[in-house]
Amino acid sequence: MKELFSDLDRWAADGTRVAVARVVDLEGSGPRLPGAAMAVTEHGDVAGSVSGGCVEGAVVAEALEVIETGERRVVSFGYSDDDAFAVGLTCGGTIHLFIEPFDW
């Protein structure tokens, strides 16, 4: 989260709505460890990373929906999931993300 602070401060000053995705669990091999975080603005701007790039596009889509609905969610991407393979998660594990609106 520390690497997100300057971006979050800037977006807060602008009144931009933001969702934050965090890796909360990892099964098997994964690109980032629990605690890794990524922030997504309502405009699609991104700071941080939860997967080193392999599922970021799918996470942005989920985060934008969280911004719209205001509903927190847990999402998972794993090697056996067609969606995860389609977006590039081929590391052999499953990552679990908690995505929530960021409350200033």
N, C-alpha and C. Protein backbone atom coordinates (compact mmCIF):
# COMPACT_ATOMS: atom_id res chain seq x y z
N MET A 1 0.81 -1.20 0.00
CA MET A 1 0.00 0.00 0.00
C MET A 1 0.86 1.26 0.00
N LYS A 2 2.03 1.21 0.62
CA LYS A 2 2.84 2.42 0.72
C LYS A 2 3.14 3.04 -0.64
N GLU A 3 3.36 2.20 -1.64
CA GLU A 3 3.69 2.72 -2.97
C GLU A 3 2.49 3.42 -3.62
N LEU A 4 1.31 3.25 -3.05
CA LEU A 4 0.11 3.88 -3.61
C LEU A 4 -0.21 5.24 -3.00
N PHE A 5 0.43 5.59 -1.88
CA PHE A 5 0.04 6.78 -1.13
C PHE A 5 0.06 8.06 -1.95
N SER A 6 1.10 8.30 -2.74
CA SER A 6 1.17 9.57 -3.47
C SER A 6 0.05 9.65 -4.51
N ASP A 7 -0.23 8.53 -5.19
CA ASP A 7 -1.33 8.53 -6.16
C ASP A 7 -2.67 8.71 -5.46
N LEU A 8 -2.86 8.01 -4.33
CA LEU A 8 -4.12 8.14 -3.60
C LEU A 8 -4.32 9.57 -3.10
N ASP A 9 -3.25 10.21 -2.62
CA ASP A 9 -3.35 11.60 -2.17
C ASP A 9 -3.77 12.51 -3.32
N ARG A 10 -3.16 12.33 -4.49
CA ARG A 10 -3.48 13.15 -5.66
C ARG A 10 -4.93 12.94 -6.08
N TRP A 11 -5.37 11.68 -6.12
CA TRP A 11 -6.74 11.40 -6.52
C TRP A 11 -7.75 11.92 -5.50
N ALA A 12 -7.40 11.85 -4.21
CA ALA A 12 -8.28 12.38 -3.17
C ALA A 12 -8.46 13.88 -3.35
N ALA A 13 -7.36 14.58 -3.65
CA ALA A 13 -7.44 16.03 -3.86
C ALA A 13 -8.33 16.37 -5.04
N ASP A 14 -8.37 15.50 -6.04
CA ASP A 14 -9.21 15.70 -7.23
C ASP A 14 -10.65 15.26 -7.02
N GLY A 15 -10.93 14.55 -5.91
CA GLY A 15 -12.27 14.03 -5.68
C GLY A 15 -12.59 12.82 -6.54
N THR A 16 -11.55 12.12 -7.00
CA THR A 16 -11.72 10.96 -7.87
C THR A 16 -12.09 9.73 -7.05
N ARG A 17 -13.08 8.98 -7.53
CA ARG A 17 -13.45 7.73 -6.87
C ARG A 17 -12.43 6.65 -7.23
N VAL A 18 -12.11 5.82 -6.23
CA VAL A 18 -11.04 4.81 -6.37
C VAL A 18 -11.47 3.52 -5.72
N ALA A 19 -11.04 2.40 -6.30
CA ALA A 19 -11.15 1.09 -5.66
C ALA A 19 -9.74 0.55 -5.47
N VAL A 20 -9.55 -0.20 -4.39
CA VAL A 20 -8.25 -0.81 -4.12
C VAL A 20 -8.42 -2.33 -4.10
N ALA A 21 -7.55 -3.00 -4.83
CA ALA A 21 -7.51 -4.46 -4.86
C ALA A 21 -6.26 -4.90 -4.11
N ARG A 22 -6.43 -5.89 -3.22
CA ARG A 22 -5.29 -6.42 -2.47
C ARG A 22 -5.24 -7.93 -2.61
N VAL A 23 -4.04 -8.47 -2.75
CA VAL A 23 -3.87 -9.91 -2.71
C VAL A 23 -4.05 -10.33 -1.26
N VAL A 24 -5.04 -11.19 -1.00
CA VAL A 24 -5.31 -11.63 0.37
C VAL A 24 -4.93 -13.09 0.60
N ASP A 25 -4.75 -13.84 -0.48
CA ASP A 25 -4.36 -15.24 -0.33
C ASP A 25 -3.76 -15.71 -1.64
N LEU A 26 -2.92 -16.71 -1.53
CA LEU A 26 -2.24 -17.27 -2.69
C LEU A 26 -2.16 -18.77 -2.49
N GLU A 27 -2.59 -19.52 -3.50
CA GLU A 27 -2.47 -20.97 -3.47
C GLU A 27 -1.47 -21.38 -4.55
N GLY A 28 -0.45 -22.09 -4.16
CA GLY A 28 0.57 -22.50 -5.13
C GLY A 28 1.43 -21.32 -5.53
N SER A 29 1.89 -21.35 -6.75
CA SER A 29 2.77 -20.31 -7.27
C SER A 29 1.96 -19.12 -7.72
N GLY A 30 2.48 -17.93 -7.47
CA GLY A 30 1.79 -16.72 -7.90
C GLY A 30 2.75 -15.59 -8.17
N PRO A 31 2.30 -14.61 -8.93
CA PRO A 31 3.18 -13.52 -9.32
C PRO A 31 3.48 -12.51 -8.22
N ARG A 32 2.55 -12.30 -7.27
CA ARG A 32 2.75 -11.35 -6.18
C ARG A 32 2.26 -11.98 -4.88
N LEU A 33 2.88 -11.62 -3.78
CA LEU A 33 2.53 -12.17 -2.48
C LEU A 33 1.36 -11.43 -1.85
N PRO A 34 0.70 -12.06 -0.86
CA PRO A 34 -0.36 -11.36 -0.14
C PRO A 34 0.15 -10.03 0.39
N GLY A 35 -0.71 -9.03 0.29
CA GLY A 35 -0.35 -7.68 0.68
C GLY A 35 -0.12 -6.78 -0.52
N ALA A 36 0.21 -7.37 -1.67
CA ALA A 36 0.38 -6.55 -2.87
C ALA A 36 -0.94 -5.84 -3.17
N ALA A 37 -0.85 -4.60 -3.64
CA ALA A 37 -2.06 -3.81 -3.83
C ALA A 37 -2.01 -3.04 -5.15
N MET A 38 -3.20 -2.73 -5.63
CA MET A 38 -3.36 -1.96 -6.85
C MET A 38 -4.58 -1.06 -6.66
N ALA A 39 -4.46 0.20 -7.06
CA ALA A 39 -5.58 1.13 -7.00
C ALA A 39 -6.02 1.46 -8.42
N VAL A 40 -7.32 1.59 -8.59
CA VAL A 40 -7.91 1.89 -9.90
C VAL A 40 -8.89 3.04 -9.72
N THR A 41 -8.77 4.07 -10.57
CA THR A 41 -9.70 5.19 -10.48
C THR A 41 -10.92 4.93 -11.35
N GLU A 42 -11.92 5.75 -11.14
CA GLU A 42 -13.14 5.67 -11.96
C GLU A 42 -12.86 5.94 -13.43
N HIS A 43 -11.70 6.55 -13.72
CA HIS A 43 -11.30 6.84 -15.10
C HIS A 43 -10.41 5.76 -15.70
N GLY A 44 -10.11 4.72 -14.89
CA GLY A 44 -9.28 3.62 -15.39
C GLY A 44 -7.79 3.81 -15.17
N ASP A 45 -7.39 4.86 -14.45
CA ASP A 45 -5.98 5.04 -14.10
C ASP A 45 -5.60 4.00 -13.06
N VAL A 46 -4.36 3.51 -13.13
CA VAL A 46 -3.92 2.41 -12.26
C VAL A 46 -2.60 2.77 -11.58
N ALA A 47 -2.49 2.38 -10.32
CA ALA A 47 -1.23 2.46 -9.58
C ALA A 47 -1.03 1.15 -8.86
N GLY A 48 0.19 0.65 -8.81
CA GLY A 48 0.49 -0.60 -8.14
C GLY A 48 0.24 -1.80 -9.03
N SER A 49 0.38 -2.98 -8.42
CA SER A 49 0.22 -4.22 -9.18
C SER A 49 -0.15 -5.36 -8.23
N VAL A 50 -1.03 -6.24 -8.69
CA VAL A 50 -1.38 -7.42 -7.91
C VAL A 50 -0.93 -8.70 -8.58
N SER A 51 -0.44 -8.58 -9.82
CA SER A 51 -0.06 -9.81 -10.52
C SER A 51 1.13 -9.63 -11.45
N GLY A 52 1.82 -8.54 -11.37
CA GLY A 52 2.94 -8.34 -12.27
C GLY A 52 2.50 -8.17 -13.71
N GLY A 53 1.22 -7.89 -13.92
CA GLY A 53 0.72 -7.62 -15.26
C GLY A 53 -0.18 -8.67 -15.85
N CYS A 54 -0.15 -9.91 -15.33
CA CYS A 54 -0.86 -10.98 -16.03
C CYS A 54 -2.38 -10.95 -15.88
N VAL A 55 -2.93 -10.39 -14.80
CA VAL A 55 -4.39 -10.30 -14.69
C VAL A 55 -4.86 -8.87 -14.43
N GLU A 56 -3.98 -7.90 -14.56
CA GLU A 56 -4.33 -6.53 -14.24
C GLU A 56 -5.56 -6.03 -15.02
N GLY A 57 -5.67 -6.37 -16.30
CA GLY A 57 -6.83 -5.94 -17.08
C GLY A 57 -8.14 -6.42 -16.50
N ALA A 58 -8.17 -7.67 -16.08
CA ALA A 58 -9.38 -8.23 -15.47
C ALA A 58 -9.65 -7.59 -14.11
N VAL A 59 -8.60 -7.26 -13.37
CA VAL A 59 -8.77 -6.62 -12.06
C VAL A 59 -9.31 -5.20 -12.26
N VAL A 60 -8.84 -4.49 -13.27
CA VAL A 60 -9.36 -3.15 -13.55
C VAL A 60 -10.87 -3.23 -13.81
N ALA A 61 -11.30 -4.19 -14.60
CA ALA A 61 -12.73 -4.35 -14.89
C ALA A 61 -13.52 -4.61 -13.60
N GLU A 62 -13.00 -5.47 -12.75
CA GLU A 62 -13.67 -5.76 -11.47
C GLU A 62 -13.70 -4.51 -10.59
N ALA A 63 -12.59 -3.78 -10.54
CA ALA A 63 -12.51 -2.58 -9.71
C ALA A 63 -13.48 -1.50 -10.18
N LEU A 64 -13.60 -1.34 -11.48
CA LEU A 64 -14.55 -0.36 -12.01
C LEU A 64 -15.98 -0.71 -11.62
N GLU A 65 -16.29 -1.99 -11.60
CA GLU A 65 -17.62 -2.41 -11.17
C GLU A 65 -17.83 -2.15 -9.68
N VAL A 66 -16.79 -2.37 -8.88
CA VAL A 66 -16.86 -2.07 -7.44
C VAL A 66 -17.09 -0.58 -7.23
N ILE A 67 -16.42 0.26 -8.01
CA ILE A 67 -16.63 1.71 -7.90
C ILE A 67 -18.08 2.05 -8.21
N GLU A 68 -18.63 1.44 -9.24
CA GLU A 68 -20.02 1.72 -9.65
C GLU A 68 -21.03 1.25 -8.61
N THR A 69 -20.85 0.04 -8.10
CA THR A 69 -21.84 -0.55 -7.20
C THR A 69 -21.59 -0.22 -5.74
N GLY A 70 -20.32 0.05 -5.39
CA GLY A 70 -19.97 0.28 -3.99
C GLY A 70 -19.88 -1.01 -3.19
N GLU A 71 -20.00 -2.15 -3.86
CA GLU A 71 -20.00 -3.44 -3.17
C GLU A 71 -18.62 -4.08 -3.19
N ARG A 72 -18.10 -4.39 -2.01
CA ARG A 72 -16.82 -5.08 -1.89
C ARG A 72 -16.97 -6.51 -2.41
N ARG A 73 -15.84 -7.08 -2.85
CA ARG A 73 -15.91 -8.47 -3.32
C ARG A 73 -14.55 -9.13 -3.24
N VAL A 74 -14.60 -10.44 -3.19
CA VAL A 74 -13.40 -11.26 -3.31
C VAL A 74 -13.46 -11.91 -4.69
N VAL A 75 -12.38 -11.81 -5.45
CA VAL A 75 -12.30 -12.46 -6.75
C VAL A 75 -11.05 -13.33 -6.77
N SER A 76 -11.11 -14.39 -7.54
CA SER A 76 -9.99 -15.32 -7.63
C SER A 76 -9.65 -15.59 -9.08
N PHE A 77 -8.36 -15.75 -9.33
CA PHE A 77 -7.86 -16.13 -10.64
C PHE A 77 -6.90 -17.28 -10.44
N GLY A 78 -7.14 -18.38 -11.15
CA GLY A 78 -6.28 -19.54 -11.01
C GLY A 78 -5.93 -20.14 -12.35
N TYR A 79 -4.89 -20.92 -12.36
CA TYR A 79 -4.38 -21.52 -13.59
C TYR A 79 -5.43 -22.35 -14.31
N SER A 80 -6.30 -23.03 -13.54
CA SER A 80 -7.29 -23.89 -14.17
C SER A 80 -8.50 -23.12 -14.68
N ASP A 81 -8.62 -21.85 -14.30
CA ASP A 81 -9.75 -21.05 -14.76
C ASP A 81 -9.51 -20.58 -16.19
N ASP A 82 -10.48 -20.79 -17.06
CA ASP A 82 -10.36 -20.32 -18.43
C ASP A 82 -10.12 -18.82 -18.49
N ASP A 83 -10.83 -18.07 -17.62
CA ASP A 83 -10.66 -16.62 -17.61
C ASP A 83 -9.24 -16.24 -17.24
N ALA A 84 -8.67 -16.89 -16.24
CA ALA A 84 -7.31 -16.56 -15.82
C ALA A 84 -6.32 -16.87 -16.92
N PHE A 85 -6.47 -18.01 -17.57
CA PHE A 85 -5.56 -18.35 -18.66
C PHE A 85 -5.70 -17.36 -19.80
N ALA A 86 -6.94 -16.96 -20.07
CA ALA A 86 -7.19 -16.02 -21.16
C ALA A 86 -6.53 -14.67 -20.90
N VAL A 87 -6.45 -14.25 -19.63
CA VAL A 87 -5.84 -12.96 -19.33
C VAL A 87 -4.37 -13.09 -19.00
N GLY A 88 -3.83 -14.32 -18.99
CA GLY A 88 -2.39 -14.48 -18.89
C GLY A 88 -1.84 -15.03 -17.59
N LEU A 89 -2.69 -15.51 -16.67
CA LEU A 89 -2.18 -16.07 -15.42
C LEU A 89 -1.78 -17.52 -15.66
N THR A 90 -0.54 -17.74 -15.98
CA THR A 90 -0.07 -19.08 -16.31
C THR A 90 0.98 -19.57 -15.32
N CYS A 91 1.02 -18.97 -14.12
CA CYS A 91 2.07 -19.32 -13.16
C CYS A 91 1.75 -20.59 -12.39
N GLY A 92 0.58 -21.15 -12.55
CA GLY A 92 0.26 -22.42 -11.93
C GLY A 92 -0.46 -22.32 -10.61
N GLY A 93 -0.67 -21.13 -10.07
CA GLY A 93 -1.34 -20.98 -8.79
C GLY A 93 -2.66 -20.25 -8.92
N THR A 94 -3.23 -19.92 -7.76
CA THR A 94 -4.46 -19.16 -7.71
C THR A 94 -4.24 -17.97 -6.79
N ILE A 95 -4.64 -16.78 -7.25
CA ILE A 95 -4.57 -15.60 -6.40
C ILE A 95 -5.98 -15.18 -6.04
N HIS A 96 -6.14 -14.76 -4.78
CA HIS A 96 -7.42 -14.28 -4.28
C HIS A 96 -7.25 -12.81 -3.94
N LEU A 97 -8.14 -11.99 -4.47
CA LEU A 97 -8.07 -10.54 -4.28
C LEU A 97 -9.31 -10.05 -3.56
N PHE A 98 -9.11 -9.10 -2.66
CA PHE A 98 -10.22 -8.38 -2.03
C PHE A 98 -10.24 -7.00 -2.67
N ILE A 99 -11.36 -6.63 -3.26
CA ILE A 99 -11.49 -5.34 -3.92
C ILE A 99 -12.57 -4.55 -3.21
N GLU A 100 -12.23 -3.30 -2.85
CA GLU A 100 -13.19 -2.45 -2.14
C GLU A 100 -13.04 -1.00 -2.57
N PRO A 101 -14.14 -0.24 -2.45
CA PRO A 101 -14.03 1.19 -2.71
C PRO A 101 -13.09 1.79 -1.67
N PHE A 102 -12.24 2.73 -2.10
CA PHE A 102 -11.35 3.38 -1.15
C PHE A 102 -12.08 4.53 -0.49
N ASP A 103 -12.14 4.52 0.85
CA ASP A 103 -12.86 5.52 1.61
C ASP A 103 -11.85 6.57 2.09
N TRP A 104 -11.98 7.76 1.54
CA TRP A 104 -11.04 8.83 1.91
C TRP A 104 -11.19 9.15 3.38
